Amino acid sequence: MQNVTGGVGAIGLNQVAEAEADGYTILFGAENPLLYKVMQLGDKDYGDFVPVNIIARGVPILVANVDAPFNTFPEMVAYINANPRTVKFGSTGPGGLPSVVTAMINSKTPLDVTFVPYDGDGPALTALQGGAIDVMPAVLGAAIEGIKGGT
């Protein structure tokens, strides 16, 4: 198995799409490629592949630093509205789960926050635990140990 980083999975997707059809090269990806054509991040998506199986489904959640001045979504929205651009929102780039969830939230409840980009959920969650960012959308599986640990 080779983890190919970059472009919220677009580089790996293109690498597999261009590989020889040898029966050994497969793509293990997340929900991101469903949006590549729509967001103009690339010209390929899962429609260009033959599905084999769904291994798992991610459950998106919103996680905050334990020292954040809010504990619930309504409290977070109220705090952001009272303190524009002071809340630092973690992001992993266009097409990634954080950007999709944030866009969904913004379509109903605009948030005037400062976005801080990271190269994936791991670095962003580490930044969250260290206080460099205040909140971020994440997949439950990536955040569960921090949640269990109270961080």
N, C-alpha and C. Protein backbone atom coordinates (compact mmCIF):
# COMPACT_ATOMS: atom_id res chain seq x y z
N MET A 1 0.85 -1.17 0.00
CA MET A 1 0.00 0.00 0.00
C MET A 1 0.89 1.23 0.00
N GLN A 2 0.53 2.21 -0.81
CA GLN A 2 1.29 3.45 -0.90
C GLN A 2 0.34 4.61 -0.65
N ASN A 3 0.64 5.44 0.34
CA ASN A 3 -0.16 6.62 0.63
C ASN A 3 0.36 7.77 -0.22
N VAL A 4 -0.45 8.22 -1.18
CA VAL A 4 -0.05 9.31 -2.06
C VAL A 4 -0.79 10.55 -1.61
N THR A 5 -0.05 11.52 -1.09
CA THR A 5 -0.67 12.73 -0.56
C THR A 5 -0.73 13.82 -1.61
N GLY A 6 -1.58 14.79 -1.33
CA GLY A 6 -1.65 15.98 -2.17
C GLY A 6 -2.97 16.13 -2.88
N GLY A 7 -3.40 17.38 -2.98
CA GLY A 7 -4.61 17.69 -3.72
C GLY A 7 -5.86 17.06 -3.16
N VAL A 8 -5.91 16.83 -1.86
CA VAL A 8 -7.04 16.21 -1.16
C VAL A 8 -7.40 14.89 -1.85
N GLY A 9 -6.37 14.13 -2.24
CA GLY A 9 -6.57 12.82 -2.85
C GLY A 9 -6.54 12.83 -4.36
N ALA A 10 -6.54 14.01 -4.99
CA ALA A 10 -6.58 14.08 -6.46
C ALA A 10 -5.33 13.50 -7.10
N ILE A 11 -4.17 13.67 -6.47
CA ILE A 11 -2.93 13.15 -7.05
C ILE A 11 -2.97 11.62 -7.07
N GLY A 12 -3.37 11.01 -5.97
CA GLY A 12 -3.49 9.55 -5.92
C GLY A 12 -4.52 9.02 -6.89
N LEU A 13 -5.65 9.70 -6.98
CA LEU A 13 -6.71 9.30 -7.90
C LEU A 13 -6.20 9.30 -9.33
N ASN A 14 -5.50 10.36 -9.72
CA ASN A 14 -4.96 10.45 -11.08
C ASN A 14 -3.88 9.41 -11.31
N GLN A 15 -3.06 9.14 -10.31
CA GLN A 15 -2.00 8.14 -10.45
C GLN A 15 -2.61 6.77 -10.73
N VAL A 16 -3.67 6.41 -10.01
CA VAL A 16 -4.33 5.12 -10.23
C VAL A 16 -5.04 5.11 -11.58
N ALA A 17 -5.69 6.21 -11.94
CA ALA A 17 -6.40 6.27 -13.22
C ALA A 17 -5.46 6.09 -14.40
N GLU A 18 -4.23 6.57 -14.26
CA GLU A 18 -3.26 6.49 -15.35
C GLU A 18 -2.42 5.22 -15.31
N ALA A 19 -2.56 4.41 -14.27
CA ALA A 19 -1.76 3.19 -14.13
C ALA A 19 -2.26 2.12 -15.10
N GLU A 20 -1.35 1.20 -15.42
CA GLU A 20 -1.72 0.06 -16.26
C GLU A 20 -2.76 -0.79 -15.54
N ALA A 21 -3.76 -1.23 -16.26
CA ALA A 21 -4.82 -2.07 -15.69
C ALA A 21 -4.26 -3.48 -15.48
N ASP A 22 -3.54 -3.66 -14.37
CA ASP A 22 -2.84 -4.91 -14.12
C ASP A 22 -3.55 -5.81 -13.11
N GLY A 23 -4.66 -5.34 -12.56
CA GLY A 23 -5.38 -6.14 -11.57
C GLY A 23 -4.83 -6.01 -10.17
N TYR A 24 -3.73 -5.28 -10.01
CA TYR A 24 -3.12 -5.10 -8.70
C TYR A 24 -3.21 -3.67 -8.19
N THR A 25 -3.46 -2.74 -9.07
CA THR A 25 -3.52 -1.33 -8.69
C THR A 25 -4.97 -0.95 -8.42
N ILE A 26 -5.25 -0.59 -7.19
CA ILE A 26 -6.60 -0.17 -6.82
C ILE A 26 -6.52 1.14 -6.05
N LEU A 27 -7.63 1.83 -6.02
CA LEU A 27 -7.70 3.11 -5.31
C LEU A 27 -8.53 2.93 -4.05
N PHE A 28 -7.97 3.31 -2.94
CA PHE A 28 -8.69 3.34 -1.67
C PHE A 28 -8.85 4.81 -1.33
N GLY A 29 -10.05 5.33 -1.48
CA GLY A 29 -10.24 6.77 -1.31
C GLY A 29 -11.44 7.10 -0.46
N ALA A 30 -11.57 8.36 -0.19
CA ALA A 30 -12.66 8.88 0.65
C ALA A 30 -13.72 9.52 -0.23
N GLU A 31 -14.54 10.36 0.37
CA GLU A 31 -15.64 10.97 -0.36
C GLU A 31 -15.19 12.11 -1.28
N ASN A 32 -14.00 12.62 -1.11
CA ASN A 32 -13.52 13.79 -1.83
C ASN A 32 -13.64 13.70 -3.34
N PRO A 33 -13.24 12.59 -3.99
CA PRO A 33 -13.29 12.55 -5.45
C PRO A 33 -14.68 12.76 -6.05
N LEU A 34 -15.72 12.60 -5.28
CA LEU A 34 -17.06 12.85 -5.78
C LEU A 34 -17.23 14.31 -6.18
N LEU A 35 -16.40 15.19 -5.61
CA LEU A 35 -16.54 16.63 -5.84
C LEU A 35 -15.51 17.21 -6.80
N TYR A 36 -14.54 16.43 -7.25
CA TYR A 36 -13.44 16.99 -8.04
C TYR A 36 -13.92 17.71 -9.29
N LYS A 37 -14.80 17.09 -10.07
CA LYS A 37 -15.29 17.73 -11.29
C LYS A 37 -16.14 18.96 -10.95
N VAL A 38 -16.99 18.84 -9.93
CA VAL A 38 -17.86 19.94 -9.54
C VAL A 38 -17.06 21.15 -9.09
N MET A 39 -16.00 20.91 -8.31
CA MET A 39 -15.18 22.00 -7.79
C MET A 39 -14.04 22.38 -8.73
N GLN A 40 -13.99 21.74 -9.89
CA GLN A 40 -12.95 21.98 -10.88
C GLN A 40 -11.55 21.74 -10.34
N LEU A 41 -11.44 20.70 -9.49
CA LEU A 41 -10.14 20.29 -8.95
C LEU A 41 -9.48 19.26 -9.86
N GLY A 42 -10.24 18.70 -10.77
CA GLY A 42 -9.72 17.70 -11.70
C GLY A 42 -10.80 17.28 -12.66
N ASP A 43 -10.40 16.45 -13.62
CA ASP A 43 -11.37 16.01 -14.62
C ASP A 43 -11.80 14.57 -14.43
N LYS A 44 -11.44 13.99 -13.30
CA LYS A 44 -11.83 12.61 -12.99
C LYS A 44 -12.57 12.57 -11.66
N ASP A 45 -13.45 11.58 -11.53
CA ASP A 45 -14.08 11.30 -10.25
C ASP A 45 -14.36 9.80 -10.19
N TYR A 46 -15.08 9.35 -9.20
CA TYR A 46 -15.31 7.91 -9.05
C TYR A 46 -16.09 7.33 -10.22
N GLY A 47 -16.77 8.15 -11.00
CA GLY A 47 -17.47 7.66 -12.18
C GLY A 47 -16.53 7.09 -13.23
N ASP A 48 -15.23 7.39 -13.11
CA ASP A 48 -14.24 6.90 -14.05
C ASP A 48 -13.62 5.57 -13.61
N PHE A 49 -14.13 5.00 -12.54
CA PHE A 49 -13.58 3.77 -11.98
C PHE A 49 -14.67 2.70 -11.87
N VAL A 50 -14.25 1.48 -11.65
CA VAL A 50 -15.17 0.38 -11.39
C VAL A 50 -15.15 0.14 -9.88
N PRO A 51 -16.29 0.32 -9.20
CA PRO A 51 -16.28 0.12 -7.74
C PRO A 51 -16.10 -1.35 -7.36
N VAL A 52 -15.35 -1.56 -6.28
CA VAL A 52 -15.13 -2.90 -5.77
C VAL A 52 -15.95 -3.10 -4.49
N ASN A 53 -15.82 -2.17 -3.56
CA ASN A 53 -16.53 -2.30 -2.29
C ASN A 53 -16.44 -0.99 -1.51
N ILE A 54 -17.36 -0.82 -0.59
CA ILE A 54 -17.28 0.27 0.38
C ILE A 54 -16.70 -0.32 1.65
N ILE A 55 -15.55 0.17 2.06
CA ILE A 55 -14.85 -0.34 3.23
C ILE A 55 -15.39 0.30 4.50
N ALA A 56 -15.62 1.60 4.45
CA ALA A 56 -16.08 2.32 5.64
C ALA A 56 -16.77 3.59 5.20
N ARG A 57 -17.48 4.17 6.11
CA ARG A 57 -18.11 5.47 5.87
C ARG A 57 -17.72 6.39 7.02
N GLY A 58 -17.27 7.56 6.67
CA GLY A 58 -16.87 8.52 7.70
C GLY A 58 -18.07 9.28 8.24
N VAL A 59 -18.04 9.54 9.52
CA VAL A 59 -19.08 10.33 10.17
C VAL A 59 -18.48 11.70 10.48
N PRO A 60 -18.91 12.74 9.76
CA PRO A 60 -18.34 14.06 10.03
C PRO A 60 -18.88 14.65 11.34
N ILE A 61 -17.97 15.24 12.07
CA ILE A 61 -18.32 15.91 13.34
C ILE A 61 -17.59 17.25 13.39
N LEU A 62 -18.00 18.08 14.30
CA LEU A 62 -17.33 19.35 14.54
C LEU A 62 -16.64 19.22 15.89
N VAL A 63 -15.33 19.40 15.92
CA VAL A 63 -14.58 19.28 17.17
C VAL A 63 -13.95 20.63 17.52
N ALA A 64 -13.90 20.91 18.81
CA ALA A 64 -13.33 22.18 19.28
C ALA A 64 -12.25 21.89 20.32
N ASN A 65 -11.34 22.82 20.44
CA ASN A 65 -10.33 22.75 21.48
C ASN A 65 -11.03 22.78 22.84
N VAL A 66 -10.50 22.04 23.81
CA VAL A 66 -11.15 21.98 25.13
C VAL A 66 -11.22 23.35 25.79
N ASP A 67 -10.37 24.27 25.40
CA ASP A 67 -10.39 25.62 25.98
C ASP A 67 -11.25 26.61 25.19
N ALA A 68 -11.92 26.14 24.16
CA ALA A 68 -12.78 27.03 23.37
C ALA A 68 -13.88 27.61 24.25
N PRO A 69 -14.27 28.85 24.00
CA PRO A 69 -15.29 29.49 24.83
C PRO A 69 -16.73 29.09 24.45
N PHE A 70 -16.89 27.88 23.91
CA PHE A 70 -18.22 27.38 23.56
C PHE A 70 -18.20 25.86 23.65
N ASN A 71 -19.36 25.28 23.89
CA ASN A 71 -19.47 23.83 24.01
C ASN A 71 -20.48 23.21 23.05
N THR A 72 -21.31 24.03 22.44
CA THR A 72 -22.34 23.52 21.54
C THR A 72 -22.29 24.32 20.25
N PHE A 73 -22.95 23.81 19.22
CA PHE A 73 -23.00 24.52 17.95
C PHE A 73 -23.66 25.89 18.10
N PRO A 74 -24.83 25.99 18.74
CA PRO A 74 -25.44 27.33 18.91
C PRO A 74 -24.53 28.29 19.68
N GLU A 75 -23.83 27.80 20.70
CA GLU A 75 -22.90 28.65 21.45
C GLU A 75 -21.75 29.10 20.56
N MET A 76 -21.26 28.21 19.70
CA MET A 76 -20.18 28.55 18.78
C MET A 76 -20.63 29.65 17.81
N VAL A 77 -21.81 29.49 17.22
CA VAL A 77 -22.34 30.48 16.28
C VAL A 77 -22.49 31.83 16.98
N ALA A 78 -23.04 31.82 18.18
CA ALA A 78 -23.22 33.08 18.93
C ALA A 78 -21.86 33.73 19.21
N TYR A 79 -20.87 32.93 19.61
CA TYR A 79 -19.54 33.46 19.90
C TYR A 79 -18.91 34.05 18.64
N ILE A 80 -19.01 33.34 17.51
CA ILE A 80 -18.46 33.83 16.25
C ILE A 80 -19.13 35.14 15.84
N ASN A 81 -20.45 35.20 15.98
CA ASN A 81 -21.17 36.43 15.62
C ASN A 81 -20.76 37.60 16.50
N ALA A 82 -20.46 37.33 17.77
CA ALA A 82 -20.05 38.39 18.70
C ALA A 82 -18.57 38.74 18.54
N ASN A 83 -17.79 37.84 17.95
CA ASN A 83 -16.34 38.02 17.81
C ASN A 83 -15.89 37.65 16.40
N PRO A 84 -16.28 38.43 15.40
CA PRO A 84 -15.95 38.08 14.01
C PRO A 84 -14.45 37.93 13.79
N ARG A 85 -14.12 36.93 12.99
CA ARG A 85 -12.75 36.64 12.55
C ARG A 85 -11.77 36.28 13.67
N THR A 86 -12.26 36.02 14.87
CA THR A 86 -11.34 35.63 15.95
C THR A 86 -11.23 34.12 16.10
N VAL A 87 -12.25 33.40 15.70
CA VAL A 87 -12.22 31.93 15.80
C VAL A 87 -11.43 31.39 14.61
N LYS A 88 -10.45 30.53 14.92
CA LYS A 88 -9.61 29.92 13.88
C LYS A 88 -10.17 28.54 13.55
N PHE A 89 -10.57 28.36 12.31
CA PHE A 89 -11.20 27.13 11.81
C PHE A 89 -10.17 26.34 11.02
N GLY A 90 -9.93 25.10 11.41
CA GLY A 90 -9.00 24.24 10.68
C GLY A 90 -9.59 23.80 9.36
N SER A 91 -8.72 23.64 8.37
CA SER A 91 -9.14 23.25 7.04
C SER A 91 -8.09 22.34 6.43
N THR A 92 -8.51 21.50 5.48
CA THR A 92 -7.55 20.65 4.77
C THR A 92 -7.58 20.91 3.27
N GLY A 93 -8.11 22.02 2.85
CA GLY A 93 -8.10 22.39 1.44
C GLY A 93 -9.42 22.10 0.74
N PRO A 94 -9.62 22.72 -0.41
CA PRO A 94 -10.87 22.54 -1.17
C PRO A 94 -11.13 21.08 -1.50
N GLY A 95 -12.35 20.64 -1.29
CA GLY A 95 -12.74 19.27 -1.61
C GLY A 95 -12.58 18.30 -0.46
N GLY A 96 -11.83 18.68 0.57
CA GLY A 96 -11.68 17.82 1.73
C GLY A 96 -12.91 17.93 2.63
N LEU A 97 -13.07 16.98 3.52
CA LEU A 97 -14.23 16.98 4.40
C LEU A 97 -14.41 18.29 5.15
N PRO A 98 -13.36 18.88 5.75
CA PRO A 98 -13.58 20.15 6.45
C PRO A 98 -14.15 21.24 5.55
N SER A 99 -13.68 21.34 4.31
CA SER A 99 -14.19 22.39 3.43
C SER A 99 -15.64 22.11 3.03
N VAL A 100 -15.98 20.84 2.83
CA VAL A 100 -17.35 20.49 2.45
C VAL A 100 -18.31 20.78 3.61
N VAL A 101 -17.95 20.33 4.81
CA VAL A 101 -18.81 20.57 5.98
C VAL A 101 -18.93 22.06 6.25
N THR A 102 -17.82 22.79 6.15
CA THR A 102 -17.86 24.24 6.38
C THR A 102 -18.75 24.92 5.34
N ALA A 103 -18.68 24.49 4.09
CA ALA A 103 -19.54 25.07 3.05
C ALA A 103 -21.01 24.78 3.35
N MET A 104 -21.30 23.58 3.84
CA MET A 104 -22.68 23.23 4.19
C MET A 104 -23.17 24.12 5.33
N ILE A 105 -22.33 24.32 6.34
CA ILE A 105 -22.70 25.18 7.47
C ILE A 105 -22.92 26.61 6.97
N ASN A 106 -21.96 27.11 6.18
CA ASN A 106 -22.05 28.49 5.68
C ASN A 106 -23.27 28.72 4.80
N SER A 107 -23.78 27.69 4.16
CA SER A 107 -24.96 27.86 3.31
C SER A 107 -26.20 28.16 4.15
N LYS A 108 -26.19 27.79 5.42
CA LYS A 108 -27.33 28.02 6.32
C LYS A 108 -27.02 29.05 7.40
N THR A 109 -25.77 29.04 7.88
CA THR A 109 -25.36 29.92 8.97
C THR A 109 -23.97 30.46 8.64
N PRO A 110 -23.88 31.60 7.96
CA PRO A 110 -22.56 32.13 7.61
C PRO A 110 -21.68 32.35 8.84
N LEU A 111 -20.43 31.88 8.73
CA LEU A 111 -19.48 31.99 9.83
C LEU A 111 -18.33 32.90 9.41
N ASP A 112 -18.12 33.97 10.15
CA ASP A 112 -17.04 34.90 9.88
C ASP A 112 -15.84 34.49 10.72
N VAL A 113 -15.08 33.49 10.21
CA VAL A 113 -13.96 32.92 10.93
C VAL A 113 -12.68 33.06 10.10
N THR A 114 -11.56 32.75 10.72
CA THR A 114 -10.28 32.72 10.02
C THR A 114 -9.95 31.27 9.72
N PHE A 115 -9.77 30.94 8.44
CA PHE A 115 -9.46 29.57 8.05
C PHE A 115 -7.95 29.35 8.06
N VAL A 116 -7.54 28.24 8.65
CA VAL A 116 -6.13 27.90 8.73
C VAL A 116 -5.95 26.54 8.05
N PRO A 117 -5.23 26.49 6.92
CA PRO A 117 -5.09 25.24 6.17
C PRO A 117 -4.01 24.32 6.74
N TYR A 118 -4.27 23.02 6.66
CA TYR A 118 -3.32 21.99 7.09
C TYR A 118 -3.26 20.89 6.03
N ASP A 119 -2.20 20.12 6.06
CA ASP A 119 -2.00 19.02 5.11
C ASP A 119 -2.63 17.73 5.60
N GLY A 120 -3.89 17.78 5.99
CA GLY A 120 -4.59 16.58 6.41
C GLY A 120 -5.17 16.69 7.80
N ASP A 121 -6.04 15.72 8.12
CA ASP A 121 -6.70 15.70 9.42
C ASP A 121 -5.71 15.55 10.57
N GLY A 122 -4.69 14.71 10.41
CA GLY A 122 -3.72 14.50 11.50
C GLY A 122 -3.06 15.77 11.96
N PRO A 123 -2.40 16.51 11.05
CA PRO A 123 -1.79 17.78 11.46
C PRO A 123 -2.80 18.79 11.99
N ALA A 124 -4.00 18.83 11.40
CA ALA A 124 -5.01 19.78 11.86
C ALA A 124 -5.49 19.43 13.26
N LEU A 125 -5.71 18.14 13.53
CA LEU A 125 -6.15 17.74 14.87
C LEU A 125 -5.06 17.98 15.91
N THR A 126 -3.80 17.80 15.52
CA THR A 126 -2.69 18.11 16.43
C THR A 126 -2.69 19.60 16.74
N ALA A 127 -2.92 20.42 15.72
CA ALA A 127 -2.98 21.88 15.91
C ALA A 127 -4.15 22.25 16.81
N LEU A 128 -5.26 21.56 16.65
CA LEU A 128 -6.43 21.80 17.49
C LEU A 128 -6.10 21.51 18.95
N GLN A 129 -5.49 20.36 19.19
CA GLN A 129 -5.15 19.98 20.56
C GLN A 129 -4.11 20.92 21.17
N GLY A 130 -3.24 21.49 20.32
CA GLY A 130 -2.22 22.41 20.81
C GLY A 130 -2.69 23.85 20.92
N GLY A 131 -3.92 24.13 20.49
CA GLY A 131 -4.46 25.48 20.61
C GLY A 131 -4.17 26.40 19.44
N ALA A 132 -3.56 25.89 18.37
CA ALA A 132 -3.28 26.73 17.21
C ALA A 132 -4.56 27.07 16.44
N ILE A 133 -5.55 26.19 16.51
CA ILE A 133 -6.87 26.46 15.94
C ILE A 133 -7.91 26.16 17.01
N ASP A 134 -9.11 26.68 16.81
CA ASP A 134 -10.16 26.55 17.82
C ASP A 134 -11.15 25.44 17.52
N VAL A 135 -11.43 25.22 16.25
CA VAL A 135 -12.46 24.26 15.88
C VAL A 135 -12.20 23.76 14.46
N MET A 136 -12.68 22.56 14.16
CA MET A 136 -12.59 22.05 12.79
C MET A 136 -13.57 20.93 12.56
N PRO A 137 -14.07 20.81 11.36
CA PRO A 137 -14.83 19.61 11.01
C PRO A 137 -13.83 18.47 10.83
N ALA A 138 -14.18 17.29 11.27
CA ALA A 138 -13.30 16.13 11.15
C ALA A 138 -14.16 14.88 11.01
N VAL A 139 -13.51 13.81 10.63
CA VAL A 139 -14.17 12.51 10.61
C VAL A 139 -14.04 11.92 12.00
N LEU A 140 -15.12 11.35 12.50
CA LEU A 140 -15.12 10.77 13.84
C LEU A 140 -13.95 9.82 14.06
N GLY A 141 -13.66 8.98 13.08
CA GLY A 141 -12.56 8.02 13.22
C GLY A 141 -11.22 8.68 13.46
N ALA A 142 -10.99 9.84 12.86
CA ALA A 142 -9.72 10.55 13.04
C ALA A 142 -9.65 11.26 14.39
N ALA A 143 -10.81 11.65 14.92
CA ALA A 143 -10.86 12.44 16.15
C ALA A 143 -11.18 11.63 17.40
N ILE A 144 -11.57 10.38 17.25
CA ILE A 144 -12.12 9.62 18.37
C ILE A 144 -11.16 9.48 19.54
N GLU A 145 -9.88 9.24 19.28
CA GLU A 145 -8.94 9.07 20.40
C GLU A 145 -8.76 10.36 21.18
N GLY A 146 -8.73 11.49 20.48
CA GLY A 146 -8.66 12.78 21.17
C GLY A 146 -9.91 13.03 21.99
N ILE A 147 -11.06 12.64 21.46
CA ILE A 147 -12.31 12.80 22.19
C ILE A 147 -12.30 11.93 23.44
N LYS A 148 -11.91 10.66 23.28
CA LYS A 148 -11.83 9.75 24.43
C LYS A 148 -10.86 10.27 25.48
N GLY A 149 -9.75 10.89 25.01
CA GLY A 149 -8.73 11.40 25.92
C GLY A 149 -9.06 12.77 26.50
N GLY A 150 -10.17 13.35 26.09
CA GLY A 150 -10.56 14.63 26.62
C GLY A 150 -9.80 15.82 26.05
N THR A 151 -9.17 15.61 24.88
CA THR A 151 -8.41 16.72 24.26
C THR A 151 -9.07 17.21 23.00
